Amino acid sequence: MTDTLPDRLSSNPNSPYYDEELLARDVGVRFKGVDKTNVEEYCVSEGWVRLTAGNAKDRFGNPMTVKLKGTVEPYFRKPAES
């Protein structure tokens, strides 16, 4: 597996941008220079993140999200194991 992250990644298994192998490596997201722990999805090229909005749920039981625009920097929190 490479150490490059995709342009877009989601933690929702129903999303086409979901990648379980990458998420298992503990991906971190720095948004506007601040580490965020509640990121549901990000897109580097378009410059946005989707963050969970507290404990609120939609009518299907999924967490409510807020889309914010700014500089997105994904990274691996742990180094790759050989």
N, C-alpha and C. Protein backbone atom coordinates (compact mmCIF):
# COMPACT_ATOMS: atom_id res chain seq x y z
N MET A 1 0.85 -1.18 0.00
CA MET A 1 0.00 0.00 0.00
C MET A 1 0.89 1.24 0.00
N THR A 2 0.48 2.25 -0.71
CA THR A 2 1.28 3.47 -0.81
C THR A 2 0.97 4.41 0.35
N ASP A 3 1.80 5.42 0.52
CA ASP A 3 1.60 6.41 1.57
C ASP A 3 0.88 7.66 1.05
N THR A 4 0.26 7.57 -0.11
CA THR A 4 -0.48 8.71 -0.62
C THR A 4 -1.96 8.52 -0.34
N LEU A 5 -2.59 9.58 0.06
CA LEU A 5 -4.02 9.55 0.34
C LEU A 5 -4.81 10.00 -0.87
N PRO A 6 -6.03 9.51 -1.04
CA PRO A 6 -6.83 9.92 -2.20
C PRO A 6 -7.30 11.37 -2.05
N ASP A 7 -7.74 11.94 -3.15
CA ASP A 7 -8.25 13.31 -3.15
C ASP A 7 -9.52 13.40 -2.31
N ARG A 8 -10.30 12.34 -2.29
CA ARG A 8 -11.56 12.35 -1.55
C ARG A 8 -11.71 11.04 -0.79
N LEU A 9 -12.13 11.12 0.48
CA LEU A 9 -12.28 9.93 1.31
C LEU A 9 -13.45 10.13 2.25
N SER A 10 -14.22 9.06 2.48
CA SER A 10 -15.38 9.12 3.36
C SER A 10 -15.31 7.99 4.38
N SER A 11 -15.85 8.25 5.58
CA SER A 11 -15.91 7.21 6.61
C SER A 11 -17.26 6.50 6.62
N ASN A 12 -18.16 6.87 5.71
CA ASN A 12 -19.47 6.26 5.60
C ASN A 12 -19.40 5.05 4.66
N PRO A 13 -19.73 3.83 5.14
CA PRO A 13 -19.63 2.64 4.27
C PRO A 13 -20.55 2.68 3.05
N ASN A 14 -21.58 3.51 3.05
CA ASN A 14 -22.49 3.60 1.91
C ASN A 14 -21.97 4.54 0.81
N SER A 15 -20.89 5.24 1.08
CA SER A 15 -20.34 6.19 0.12
C SER A 15 -19.43 5.50 -0.90
N PRO A 16 -19.41 5.97 -2.15
CA PRO A 16 -18.48 5.39 -3.13
C PRO A 16 -17.02 5.75 -2.83
N TYR A 17 -16.78 6.71 -1.93
CA TYR A 17 -15.43 7.14 -1.59
C TYR A 17 -14.92 6.47 -0.31
N TYR A 18 -15.61 5.46 0.17
CA TYR A 18 -15.23 4.73 1.38
C TYR A 18 -14.12 3.75 1.05
N ASP A 19 -13.07 3.70 1.88
CA ASP A 19 -11.97 2.75 1.70
C ASP A 19 -11.55 2.24 3.07
N GLU A 20 -11.98 1.03 3.39
CA GLU A 20 -11.75 0.46 4.72
C GLU A 20 -10.27 0.28 5.04
N GLU A 21 -9.48 -0.12 4.05
CA GLU A 21 -8.04 -0.33 4.27
C GLU A 21 -7.33 0.96 4.67
N LEU A 22 -7.65 2.05 4.00
CA LEU A 22 -7.03 3.34 4.33
C LEU A 22 -7.48 3.82 5.71
N LEU A 23 -8.76 3.69 6.01
CA LEU A 23 -9.28 4.15 7.30
C LEU A 23 -8.70 3.34 8.45
N ALA A 24 -8.36 2.09 8.21
CA ALA A 24 -7.75 1.24 9.25
C ALA A 24 -6.35 1.74 9.62
N ARG A 25 -5.73 2.50 8.73
CA ARG A 25 -4.39 3.05 9.01
C ARG A 25 -4.44 4.35 9.78
N ASP A 26 -5.61 4.75 10.25
CA ASP A 26 -5.80 5.92 11.09
C ASP A 26 -5.44 7.22 10.36
N VAL A 27 -6.36 7.64 9.50
CA VAL A 27 -6.19 8.87 8.73
C VAL A 27 -6.61 10.07 9.57
N GLY A 28 -5.78 11.07 9.61
CA GLY A 28 -6.09 12.33 10.29
C GLY A 28 -6.33 13.41 9.27
N VAL A 29 -7.11 14.42 9.66
CA VAL A 29 -7.40 15.54 8.76
C VAL A 29 -7.12 16.84 9.49
N ARG A 30 -6.30 17.67 8.87
CA ARG A 30 -6.02 19.00 9.40
C ARG A 30 -6.82 19.98 8.52
N PHE A 31 -7.74 20.71 9.14
CA PHE A 31 -8.60 21.65 8.42
C PHE A 31 -8.28 23.05 8.90
N LYS A 32 -7.83 23.90 7.99
CA LYS A 32 -7.40 25.26 8.31
C LYS A 32 -6.36 25.27 9.42
N GLY A 33 -5.46 24.28 9.39
CA GLY A 33 -4.37 24.22 10.35
C GLY A 33 -4.72 23.60 11.69
N VAL A 34 -5.96 23.12 11.88
CA VAL A 34 -6.39 22.54 13.14
C VAL A 34 -6.78 21.08 12.92
N ASP A 35 -6.27 20.18 13.76
CA ASP A 35 -6.64 18.77 13.66
C ASP A 35 -8.10 18.59 14.03
N LYS A 36 -8.85 17.91 13.17
CA LYS A 36 -10.27 17.64 13.41
C LYS A 36 -10.46 16.14 13.62
N THR A 37 -11.28 15.79 14.60
CA THR A 37 -11.53 14.38 14.90
C THR A 37 -12.93 13.94 14.48
N ASN A 38 -13.78 14.86 14.04
CA ASN A 38 -15.15 14.52 13.68
C ASN A 38 -15.42 14.66 12.18
N VAL A 39 -14.43 14.36 11.35
CA VAL A 39 -14.58 14.48 9.89
C VAL A 39 -15.24 13.23 9.34
N GLU A 40 -16.34 13.40 8.62
CA GLU A 40 -17.04 12.30 7.97
C GLU A 40 -16.51 12.09 6.55
N GLU A 41 -16.17 13.18 5.86
CA GLU A 41 -15.71 13.11 4.48
C GLU A 41 -14.89 14.35 4.18
N TYR A 42 -13.92 14.21 3.26
CA TYR A 42 -13.13 15.38 2.85
C TYR A 42 -12.86 15.31 1.36
N CYS A 43 -12.56 16.47 0.77
CA CYS A 43 -12.13 16.57 -0.62
C CYS A 43 -11.05 17.64 -0.69
N VAL A 44 -9.84 17.24 -1.03
CA VAL A 44 -8.71 18.16 -1.06
C VAL A 44 -8.81 19.12 -2.24
N SER A 45 -9.13 18.62 -3.44
CA SER A 45 -9.13 19.47 -4.63
C SER A 45 -10.22 20.55 -4.57
N GLU A 46 -11.37 20.23 -3.98
CA GLU A 46 -12.45 21.21 -3.88
C GLU A 46 -12.35 22.01 -2.58
N GLY A 47 -11.53 21.57 -1.63
CA GLY A 47 -11.28 22.32 -0.41
C GLY A 47 -12.43 22.35 0.57
N TRP A 48 -12.99 21.17 0.91
CA TRP A 48 -14.07 21.13 1.89
C TRP A 48 -13.99 19.87 2.75
N VAL A 49 -14.64 19.94 3.90
CA VAL A 49 -14.80 18.78 4.79
C VAL A 49 -16.25 18.73 5.24
N ARG A 50 -16.72 17.53 5.57
CA ARG A 50 -18.03 17.34 6.20
C ARG A 50 -17.77 16.91 7.63
N LEU A 51 -18.26 17.69 8.58
CA LEU A 51 -18.09 17.41 9.99
C LEU A 51 -19.42 17.02 10.60
N THR A 52 -19.40 16.10 11.56
CA THR A 52 -20.63 15.73 12.26
C THR A 52 -21.06 16.89 13.15
N ALA A 53 -22.36 17.09 13.23
CA ALA A 53 -22.93 18.20 14.00
C ALA A 53 -23.48 17.66 15.32
N GLY A 54 -22.59 17.44 16.27
CA GLY A 54 -23.02 16.96 17.59
C GLY A 54 -23.61 15.57 17.53
N ASN A 55 -24.68 15.35 18.29
CA ASN A 55 -25.34 14.04 18.34
C ASN A 55 -26.59 13.99 17.48
N ALA A 56 -26.83 15.02 16.68
CA ALA A 56 -28.04 15.10 15.86
C ALA A 56 -28.04 14.01 14.80
N LYS A 57 -29.22 13.45 14.55
CA LYS A 57 -29.39 12.40 13.54
C LYS A 57 -30.46 12.83 12.54
N ASP A 58 -30.32 12.35 11.29
CA ASP A 58 -31.37 12.62 10.31
C ASP A 58 -32.45 11.56 10.46
N ARG A 59 -33.46 11.59 9.60
CA ARG A 59 -34.58 10.66 9.75
C ARG A 59 -34.23 9.21 9.47
N PHE A 60 -33.05 8.97 8.90
CA PHE A 60 -32.60 7.60 8.63
C PHE A 60 -31.63 7.11 9.69
N GLY A 61 -31.33 7.93 10.69
CA GLY A 61 -30.43 7.54 11.76
C GLY A 61 -28.97 7.85 11.50
N ASN A 62 -28.68 8.53 10.39
CA ASN A 62 -27.30 8.92 10.07
C ASN A 62 -26.97 10.23 10.77
N PRO A 63 -25.71 10.44 11.12
CA PRO A 63 -25.35 11.70 11.76
C PRO A 63 -25.54 12.89 10.82
N MET A 64 -26.01 14.00 11.37
CA MET A 64 -26.15 15.24 10.61
C MET A 64 -24.75 15.80 10.39
N THR A 65 -24.51 16.35 9.21
CA THR A 65 -23.19 16.90 8.90
C THR A 65 -23.29 18.34 8.44
N VAL A 66 -22.15 19.03 8.58
CA VAL A 66 -22.01 20.41 8.14
C VAL A 66 -20.83 20.45 7.18
N LYS A 67 -21.02 21.10 6.03
CA LYS A 67 -19.95 21.19 5.03
C LYS A 67 -19.26 22.54 5.18
N LEU A 68 -17.94 22.50 5.43
CA LEU A 68 -17.14 23.71 5.60
C LEU A 68 -16.07 23.77 4.52
N LYS A 69 -15.77 24.96 4.03
CA LYS A 69 -14.74 25.14 3.00
C LYS A 69 -13.49 25.75 3.60
N GLY A 70 -12.35 25.28 3.12
CA GLY A 70 -11.07 25.77 3.58
C GLY A 70 -9.96 24.82 3.14
N THR A 71 -8.76 25.03 3.67
CA THR A 71 -7.61 24.20 3.34
C THR A 71 -7.70 22.86 4.05
N VAL A 72 -7.59 21.77 3.29
CA VAL A 72 -7.70 20.41 3.83
C VAL A 72 -6.36 19.70 3.65
N GLU A 73 -5.82 19.14 4.73
CA GLU A 73 -4.55 18.42 4.69
C GLU A 73 -4.72 17.05 5.37
N PRO A 74 -4.98 15.99 4.59
CA PRO A 74 -5.07 14.66 5.18
C PRO A 74 -3.67 14.09 5.42
N TYR A 75 -3.55 13.23 6.43
CA TYR A 75 -2.26 12.61 6.75
C TYR A 75 -2.52 11.31 7.53
N PHE A 76 -1.50 10.46 7.57
CA PHE A 76 -1.56 9.25 8.38
C PHE A 76 -1.03 9.57 9.77
N ARG A 77 -1.79 9.21 10.80
CA ARG A 77 -1.36 9.45 12.17
C ARG A 77 -0.25 8.50 12.59
N LYS A 78 -0.27 7.28 12.06
CA LYS A 78 0.76 6.28 12.40
C LYS A 78 1.55 5.97 11.14
N PRO A 79 2.85 5.70 11.28
CA PRO A 79 3.63 5.30 10.10
C PRO A 79 3.21 3.92 9.60
N ALA A 80 3.46 3.65 8.35
CA ALA A 80 3.11 2.36 7.75
C ALA A 80 3.94 1.25 8.36
N GLU A 81 3.27 0.11 8.62
CA GLU A 81 3.97 -1.05 9.17
C GLU A 81 4.52 -1.88 8.02
N SER A 82 5.74 -2.35 8.16
CA SER A 82 6.35 -3.13 7.10
C SER A 82 6.14 -4.60 7.31
